Amino acid sequence: MIITKSRLQESSVVITLPSDNGKKPSENQEYIVVYSEDRTITLVPKIEDPFSGGEEAEYYEKDEWGDVALEGREIL
């Protein structure tokens, strides 16, 4: 079990993540921080938007329900 301790640095709380048998987080990686109700803190590596570089309508999917006749309450 690896244990670390939080510390105050100006107005932020800092937690140092030690390596574990050579495994360690990437340097200068941005993370999304998720605070859970049970006081768990989850760090999710932030990635670039995978849909930002495509051509217009490249990721379009054909409407599979276009030929279904509407009837009943769904047409409200």
PDB file of N, CA and C in Angstrom:
ATOM      1  N   MET A   1       0.843  -1.167   0.000  1.00  0.00           N
ATOM      2  CA  MET A   1       0.000   0.000   0.000  1.00  0.00           C
ATOM      3  C   MET A   1       0.895   1.239   0.000  1.00  0.00           C
ATOM      4  N   ILE A   2       0.582   2.159  -0.880  1.00  0.00           N
ATOM      5  CA  ILE A   2       1.320   3.408  -0.965  1.00  0.00           C
ATOM      6  C   ILE A   2       0.512   4.487  -0.257  1.00  0.00           C
ATOM      7  N   ILE A   3       1.165   5.237   0.579  1.00  0.00           N
ATOM      8  CA  ILE A   3       0.494   6.300   1.322  1.00  0.00           C
ATOM      9  C   ILE A   3       1.160   7.622   0.991  1.00  0.00           C
ATOM     10  N   THR A   4       0.345   8.652   0.824  1.00  0.00           N
ATOM     11  CA  THR A   4       0.846  10.000   0.601  1.00  0.00           C
ATOM     12  C   THR A   4       0.056  10.948   1.479  1.00  0.00           C
ATOM     13  N   LYS A   5       0.492  12.171   1.573  1.00  0.00           N
ATOM     14  CA  LYS A   5      -0.155  13.122   2.463  1.00  0.00           C
ATOM     15  C   LYS A   5      -0.421  14.416   1.712  1.00  0.00           C
ATOM     16  N   SER A   6      -1.568  15.014   1.960  1.00  0.00           N
ATOM     17  CA  SER A   6      -1.890  16.282   1.321  1.00  0.00           C
ATOM     18  C   SER A   6      -1.218  17.426   2.077  1.00  0.00           C
ATOM     19  N   ARG A   7      -0.995  18.535   1.355  1.00  0.00           N
ATOM     20  CA  ARG A   7      -0.416  19.720   1.996  1.00  0.00           C
ATOM     21  C   ARG A   7      -1.025  20.954   1.351  1.00  0.00           C
ATOM     22  N   LEU A   8      -0.984  22.037   2.056  1.00  0.00           N
ATOM     23  CA  LEU A   8      -1.523  23.294   1.564  1.00  0.00           C
ATOM     24  C   LEU A   8      -0.426  24.073   0.857  1.00  0.00           C
ATOM     25  N   GLN A   9      -0.705  24.518  -0.376  1.00  0.00           N
ATOM     26  CA  GLN A   9       0.228  25.343  -1.134  1.00  0.00           C
ATOM     27  C   GLN A   9      -0.573  26.533  -1.652  1.00  0.00           C
ATOM     28  N   GLU A  10      -0.363  27.690  -1.038  1.00  0.00           N
ATOM     29  CA  GLU A  10      -1.150  28.892  -1.285  1.00  0.00           C
ATOM     30  C   GLU A  10      -2.614  28.574  -1.003  1.00  0.00           C
ATOM     31  N   SER A  11      -3.502  28.679  -1.999  1.00  0.00           N
ATOM     32  CA  SER A  11      -4.923  28.407  -1.747  1.00  0.00           C
ATOM     33  C   SER A  11      -5.352  27.037  -2.255  1.00  0.00           C
ATOM     34  N   SER A  12      -4.398  26.188  -2.647  1.00  0.00           N
ATOM     35  CA  SER A  12      -4.716  24.860  -3.179  1.00  0.00           C
ATOM     36  C   SER A  12      -4.211  23.770  -2.244  1.00  0.00           C
ATOM     37  N   VAL A  13      -4.874  22.626  -2.290  1.00  0.00           N
ATOM     38  CA  VAL A  13      -4.398  21.437  -1.589  1.00  0.00           C
ATOM     39  C   VAL A  13      -3.639  20.599  -2.611  1.00  0.00           C
ATOM     40  N   VAL A  14      -2.412  20.209  -2.268  1.00  0.00           N
ATOM     41  CA  VAL A  14      -1.556  19.451  -3.177  1.00  0.00           C
ATOM     42  C   VAL A  14      -1.364  18.050  -2.627  1.00  0.00           C
ATOM     43  N   ILE A  15      -1.505  17.058  -3.502  1.00  0.00           N
ATOM     44  CA  ILE A  15      -1.243  15.661  -3.143  1.00  0.00           C
ATOM     45  C   ILE A  15      -0.195  15.138  -4.108  1.00  0.00           C
ATOM     46  N   THR A  16       0.928  14.709  -3.593  1.00  0.00           N
ATOM     47  CA  THR A  16       1.999  14.160  -4.413  1.00  0.00           C
ATOM     48  C   THR A  16       1.704  12.696  -4.688  1.00  0.00           C
ATOM     49  N   LEU A  17       1.808  12.288  -5.953  1.00  0.00           N
ATOM     50  CA  LEU A  17       1.559  10.905  -6.332  1.00  0.00           C
ATOM     51  C   LEU A  17       2.899  10.196  -6.520  1.00  0.00           C
ATOM     52  N   PRO A  18       3.290   9.332  -5.579  1.00  0.00           N
ATOM     53  CA  PRO A  18       4.565   8.630  -5.694  1.00  0.00           C
ATOM     54  C   PRO A  18       4.505   7.527  -6.748  1.00  0.00           C
ATOM     55  N   SER A  19       5.665   7.135  -7.252  1.00  0.00           N
ATOM     56  CA  SER A  19       5.692   6.045  -8.233  1.00  0.00           C
ATOM     57  C   SER A  19       5.497   4.711  -7.519  1.00  0.00           C
ATOM     58  N   ASP A  20       5.039   3.733  -8.286  1.00  0.00           N
ATOM     59  CA  ASP A  20       4.812   2.386  -7.766  1.00  0.00           C
ATOM     60  C   ASP A  20       5.531   1.413  -8.688  1.00  0.00           C
ATOM     61  N   ASN A  21       6.682   0.931  -8.266  1.00  0.00           N
ATOM     62  CA  ASN A  21       7.492   0.019  -9.085  1.00  0.00           C
ATOM     63  C   ASN A  21       7.752   0.581 -10.481  1.00  0.00           C
ATOM     64  N   GLY A  22       8.055   1.859 -10.536  1.00  0.00           N
ATOM     65  CA  GLY A  22       8.358   2.496 -11.811  1.00  0.00           C
ATOM     66  C   GLY A  22       7.159   3.061 -12.533  1.00  0.00           C
ATOM     67  N   LYS A  23       5.933   2.725 -12.106  1.00  0.00           N
ATOM     68  CA  LYS A  23       4.724   3.270 -12.724  1.00  0.00           C
ATOM     69  C   LYS A  23       4.413   4.602 -12.071  1.00  0.00           C
ATOM     70  N   LYS A  24       4.227   5.633 -12.878  1.00  0.00           N
ATOM     71  CA  LYS A  24       3.879   6.940 -12.337  1.00  0.00           C
ATOM     72  C   LYS A  24       3.092   7.718 -13.379  1.00  0.00           C
ATOM     73  N   PRO A  25       2.357   8.735 -12.935  1.00  0.00           N
ATOM     74  CA  PRO A  25       1.583   9.538 -13.886  1.00  0.00           C
ATOM     75  C   PRO A  25       2.499  10.291 -14.841  1.00  0.00           C
ATOM     76  N   SER A  26       1.987  10.595 -16.019  1.00  0.00           N
ATOM     77  CA  SER A  26       2.743  11.368 -17.005  1.00  0.00           C
ATOM     78  C   SER A  26       2.974  12.785 -16.500  1.00  0.00           C
ATOM     79  N   GLU A  27       4.102  13.339 -16.896  1.00  0.00           N
ATOM     80  CA  GLU A  27       4.430  14.701 -16.520  1.00  0.00           C
ATOM     81  C   GLU A  27       3.606  15.683 -17.345  1.00  0.00           C
ATOM     82  N   ASN A  28       3.146  16.744 -16.730  1.00  0.00           N
ATOM     83  CA  ASN A  28       2.365  17.816 -17.372  1.00  0.00           C
ATOM     84  C   ASN A  28       1.051  17.330 -17.992  1.00  0.00           C
ATOM     85  N   GLN A  29       0.510  16.246 -17.513  1.00  0.00           N
ATOM     86  CA  GLN A  29      -0.782  15.719 -17.981  1.00  0.00           C
ATOM     87  C   GLN A  29      -1.898  16.488 -17.284  1.00  0.00           C
ATOM     88  N   GLU A  30      -2.923  16.891 -18.019  1.00  0.00           N
ATOM     89  CA  GLU A  30      -4.092  17.515 -17.418  1.00  0.00           C
ATOM     90  C   GLU A  30      -5.093  16.435 -17.050  1.00  0.00           C
ATOM     91  N   TYR A  31      -5.773  16.630 -15.914  1.00  0.00           N
ATOM     92  CA  TYR A  31      -6.749  15.657 -15.430  1.00  0.00           C
ATOM     93  C   TYR A  31      -8.074  16.346 -15.146  1.00  0.00           C
ATOM     94  N   ILE A  32      -9.147  15.614 -15.333  1.00  0.00           N
ATOM     95  CA  ILE A  32     -10.464  16.032 -14.877  1.00  0.00           C
ATOM     96  C   ILE A  32     -10.605  15.455 -13.473  1.00  0.00           C
ATOM     97  N   VAL A  33     -10.981  16.293 -12.507  1.00  0.00           N
ATOM     98  CA  VAL A  33     -11.082  15.864 -11.114  1.00  0.00           C
ATOM     99  C   VAL A  33     -12.550  15.648 -10.778  1.00  0.00           C
ATOM    100  N   VAL A  34     -12.862  14.467 -10.220  1.00  0.00           N
ATOM    101  CA  VAL A  34     -14.225  14.125  -9.837  1.00  0.00           C
ATOM    102  C   VAL A  34     -14.236  13.843  -8.332  1.00  0.00           C
ATOM    103  N   TYR A  35     -15.002  14.639  -7.589  1.00  0.00           N
ATOM    104  CA  TYR A  35     -15.165  14.428  -6.156  1.00  0.00           C
ATOM    105  C   TYR A  35     -16.466  13.663  -5.937  1.00  0.00           C
ATOM    106  N   SER A  36     -16.401  12.503  -5.274  1.00  0.00           N
ATOM    107  CA  SER A  36     -17.583  11.671  -5.041  1.00  0.00           C
ATOM    108  C   SER A  36     -18.139  11.892  -3.643  1.00  0.00           C
ATOM    109  N   GLU A  37     -19.387  11.477  -3.465  1.00  0.00           N
ATOM    110  CA  GLU A  37     -20.065  11.603  -2.164  1.00  0.00           C
ATOM    111  C   GLU A  37     -19.317  10.870  -1.049  1.00  0.00           C
ATOM    112  N   ASP A  38     -18.669   9.739  -1.384  1.00  0.00           N
ATOM    113  CA  ASP A  38     -17.971   8.953  -0.365  1.00  0.00           C
ATOM    114  C   ASP A  38     -16.549   9.462  -0.111  1.00  0.00           C
ATOM    115  N   ARG A  39     -16.257  10.695  -0.547  1.00  0.00           N
ATOM    116  CA  ARG A  39     -14.970  11.374  -0.360  1.00  0.00           C
ATOM    117  C   ARG A  39     -13.851  10.792  -1.220  1.00  0.00           C
ATOM    118  N   THR A  40     -14.207   9.998  -2.212  1.00  0.00           N
ATOM    119  CA  THR A  40     -13.224   9.483  -3.156  1.00  0.00           C
ATOM    120  C   THR A  40     -12.915  10.566  -4.178  1.00  0.00           C
ATOM    121  N   ILE A  41     -11.644  10.704  -4.539  1.00  0.00           N
ATOM    122  CA  ILE A  41     -11.216  11.647  -5.572  1.00  0.00           C
ATOM    123  C   ILE A  41     -10.715  10.825  -6.753  1.00  0.00           C
ATOM    124  N   THR A  42     -11.307  11.055  -7.919  1.00  0.00           N
ATOM    125  CA  THR A  42     -10.917  10.329  -9.120  1.00  0.00           C
ATOM    126  C   THR A  42     -10.274  11.302 -10.102  1.00  0.00           C
ATOM    127  N   LEU A  43      -9.113  10.919 -10.646  1.00  0.00           N
ATOM    128  CA  LEU A  43      -8.432  11.711 -11.661  1.00  0.00           C
ATOM    129  C   LEU A  43      -8.571  10.999 -13.000  1.00  0.00           C
ATOM    130  N   VAL A  44      -9.158  11.682 -13.986  1.00  0.00           N
ATOM    131  CA  VAL A  44      -9.356  11.119 -15.310  1.00  0.00           C
ATOM    132  C   VAL A  44      -8.487  11.912 -16.283  1.00  0.00           C
ATOM    133  N   PRO A  45      -7.558  11.249 -17.004  1.00  0.00           N
ATOM    134  CA  PRO A  45      -6.723  11.999 -17.949  1.00  0.00           C
ATOM    135  C   PRO A  45      -7.579  12.715 -18.996  1.00  0.00           C
ATOM    136  N   LYS A  46      -7.315  14.002 -19.186  1.00  0.00           N
ATOM    137  CA  LYS A  46      -8.047  14.784 -20.175  1.00  0.00           C
ATOM    138  C   LYS A  46      -7.456  14.502 -21.554  1.00  0.00           C
ATOM    139  N   ILE A  47      -8.341  14.245 -22.534  1.00  0.00           N
ATOM    140  CA  ILE A  47      -7.884  13.985 -23.895  1.00  0.00           C
ATOM    141  C   ILE A  47      -8.444  15.062 -24.825  1.00  0.00           C
ATOM    142  N   GLU A  48      -7.855  15.160 -25.985  1.00  0.00           N
ATOM    143  CA  GLU A  48      -8.361  16.082 -27.000  1.00  0.00           C
ATOM    144  C   GLU A  48      -9.704  15.572 -27.513  1.00  0.00           C
ATOM    145  N   ASP A  49     -10.538  16.475 -27.994  1.00  0.00           N
ATOM    146  CA  ASP A  49     -11.836  16.105 -28.556  1.00  0.00           C
ATOM    147  C   ASP A  49     -11.609  15.264 -29.814  1.00  0.00           C
ATOM    148  N   PRO A  50     -12.011  13.990 -29.815  1.00  0.00           N
ATOM    149  CA  PRO A  50     -11.753  13.136 -30.980  1.00  0.00           C
ATOM    150  C   PRO A  50     -12.555  13.542 -32.217  1.00  0.00           C
ATOM    151  N   PHE A  51     -13.574  14.393 -32.059  1.00  0.00           N
ATOM    152  CA  PHE A  51     -14.413  14.795 -33.180  1.00  0.00           C
ATOM    153  C   PHE A  51     -14.059  16.183 -33.711  1.00  0.00           C
ATOM    154  N   SER A  52     -13.017  16.812 -33.176  1.00  0.00           N
ATOM    155  CA  SER A  52     -12.699  18.191 -33.560  1.00  0.00           C
ATOM    156  C   SER A  52     -12.017  18.304 -34.911  1.00  0.00           C
ATOM    157  N   GLY A  53     -11.359  17.263 -35.404  1.00  0.00           N
ATOM    158  CA  GLY A  53     -10.580  17.383 -36.629  1.00  0.00           C
ATOM    159  C   GLY A  53     -11.243  16.874 -37.886  1.00  0.00           C
ATOM    160  N   GLY A  54     -12.471  16.418 -37.822  1.00  0.00           N
ATOM    161  CA  GLY A  54     -13.107  15.816 -38.993  1.00  0.00           C
ATOM    162  C   GLY A  54     -13.722  16.823 -39.932  1.00  0.00           C
ATOM    163  N   GLU A  55     -14.046  16.351 -41.104  1.00  0.00           N
ATOM    164  CA  GLU A  55     -14.752  17.167 -42.088  1.00  0.00           C
ATOM    165  C   GLU A  55     -16.201  17.326 -41.642  1.00  0.00           C
ATOM    166  N   GLU A  56     -16.878  18.341 -42.153  1.00  0.00           N
ATOM    167  CA  GLU A  56     -18.273  18.560 -41.795  1.00  0.00           C
ATOM    168  C   GLU A  56     -19.102  17.341 -42.209  1.00  0.00           C
ATOM    169  N   ALA A  57     -19.929  16.843 -41.325  1.00  0.00           N
ATOM    170  CA  ALA A  57     -20.820  15.692 -41.506  1.00  0.00           C
ATOM    171  C   ALA A  57     -20.073  14.363 -41.619  1.00  0.00           C
ATOM    172  N   GLU A  58     -18.794  14.326 -41.305  1.00  0.00           N
ATOM    173  CA  GLU A  58     -18.036  13.073 -41.376  1.00  0.00           C
ATOM    174  C   GLU A  58     -18.565  12.029 -40.389  1.00  0.00           C
ATOM    175  N   TYR A  59     -19.064  12.497 -39.245  1.00  0.00           N
ATOM    176  CA  TYR A  59     -19.540  11.580 -38.208  1.00  0.00           C
ATOM    177  C   TYR A  59     -21.067  11.454 -38.214  1.00  0.00           C
ATOM    178  N   TYR A  60     -21.693  11.817 -39.318  1.00  0.00           N
ATOM    179  CA  TYR A  60     -23.146  11.745 -39.441  1.00  0.00           C
ATOM    180  C   TYR A  60     -23.584  10.293 -39.575  1.00  0.00           C
ATOM    181  N   GLU A  61     -24.678   9.962 -38.879  1.00  0.00           N
ATOM    182  CA  GLU A  61     -25.258   8.632 -39.033  1.00  0.00           C
ATOM    183  C   GLU A  61     -26.640   8.771 -39.650  1.00  0.00           C
ATOM    184  N   LYS A  62     -26.945   7.899 -40.578  1.00  0.00           N
ATOM    185  CA  LYS A  62     -28.231   7.905 -41.257  1.00  0.00           C
ATOM    186  C   LYS A  62     -29.351   7.681 -40.244  1.00  0.00           C
ATOM    187  N   ASP A  63     -30.451   8.397 -40.425  1.00  0.00           N
ATOM    188  CA  ASP A  63     -31.606   8.241 -39.543  1.00  0.00           C
ATOM    189  C   ASP A  63     -32.286   6.909 -39.848  1.00  0.00           C
ATOM    190  N   GLU A  64     -32.182   5.970 -38.943  1.00  0.00           N
ATOM    191  CA  GLU A  64     -32.746   4.628 -39.144  1.00  0.00           C
ATOM    192  C   GLU A  64     -34.254   4.583 -38.923  1.00  0.00           C
ATOM    193  N   TRP A  65     -34.817   5.623 -38.300  1.00  0.00           N
ATOM    194  CA  TRP A  65     -36.239   5.605 -37.969  1.00  0.00           C
ATOM    195  C   TRP A  65     -37.054   6.520 -38.891  1.00  0.00           C
ATOM    196  N   GLY A  66     -36.445   7.027 -39.940  1.00  0.00           N
ATOM    197  CA  GLY A  66     -37.118   7.993 -40.811  1.00  0.00           C
ATOM    198  C   GLY A  66     -38.350   7.463 -41.507  1.00  0.00           C
ATOM    199  N   ASP A  67     -38.426   6.178 -41.799  1.00  0.00           N
ATOM    200  CA  ASP A  67     -39.569   5.624 -42.539  1.00  0.00           C
ATOM    201  C   ASP A  67     -40.648   5.048 -41.618  1.00  0.00           C
ATOM    202  N   VAL A  68     -40.535   5.221 -40.322  1.00  0.00           N
ATOM    203  CA  VAL A  68     -41.542   4.719 -39.385  1.00  0.00           C
ATOM    204  C   VAL A  68     -42.653   5.755 -39.263  1.00  0.00           C
ATOM    205  N   ALA A  69     -43.897   5.310 -39.459  1.00  0.00           N
ATOM    206  CA  ALA A  69     -45.046   6.205 -39.367  1.00  0.00           C
ATOM    207  C   ALA A  69     -45.331   6.568 -37.907  1.00  0.00           C
ATOM    208  N   LEU A  70     -45.550   7.850 -37.671  1.00  0.00           N
ATOM    209  CA  LEU A  70     -45.873   8.301 -36.318  1.00  0.00           C
ATOM    210  C   LEU A  70     -47.358   8.030 -36.046  1.00  0.00           C
ATOM    211  N   GLU A  71     -47.648   7.569 -34.856  1.00  0.00           N
ATOM    212  CA  GLU A  71     -49.049   7.350 -34.458  1.00  0.00           C
ATOM    213  C   GLU A  71     -49.109   7.376 -32.943  1.00  0.00           C
ATOM    214  N   GLY A  72     -50.182   7.893 -32.435  1.00  0.00           N
ATOM    215  CA  GLY A  72     -50.314   7.939 -30.986  1.00  0.00           C
ATOM    216  C   GLY A  72     -49.698   9.200 -30.390  1.00  0.00           C
ATOM    217  N   ARG A  73     -49.218   9.070 -29.143  1.00  0.00           N
ATOM    218  CA  ARG A  73     -48.781  10.243 -28.387  1.00  0.00           C
ATOM    219  C   ARG A  73     -47.405  10.773 -28.785  1.00  0.00           C
ATOM    220  N   GLU A  74     -46.583  10.042 -29.538  1.00  0.00           N
ATOM    221  CA  GLU A  74     -45.246  10.513 -29.896  1.00  0.00           C
ATOM    222  C   GLU A  74     -45.285  11.714 -30.843  1.00  0.00           C
ATOM    223  N   ILE A  75     -46.433  12.004 -31.441  1.00  0.00           N
ATOM    224  CA  ILE A  75     -46.489  13.150 -32.352  1.00  0.00           C
ATOM    225  C   ILE A  75     -46.848  14.443 -31.632  1.00  0.00           C
ATOM    226  N   LEU A  76     -46.990  14.440 -30.326  1.00  0.00           N
ATOM    227  CA  LEU A  76     -47.341  15.662 -29.579  1.00  0.00           C
ATOM    228  C   LEU A  76     -46.251  16.665 -29.646  1.00  0.00           C
TER     229      LEU A  76
END
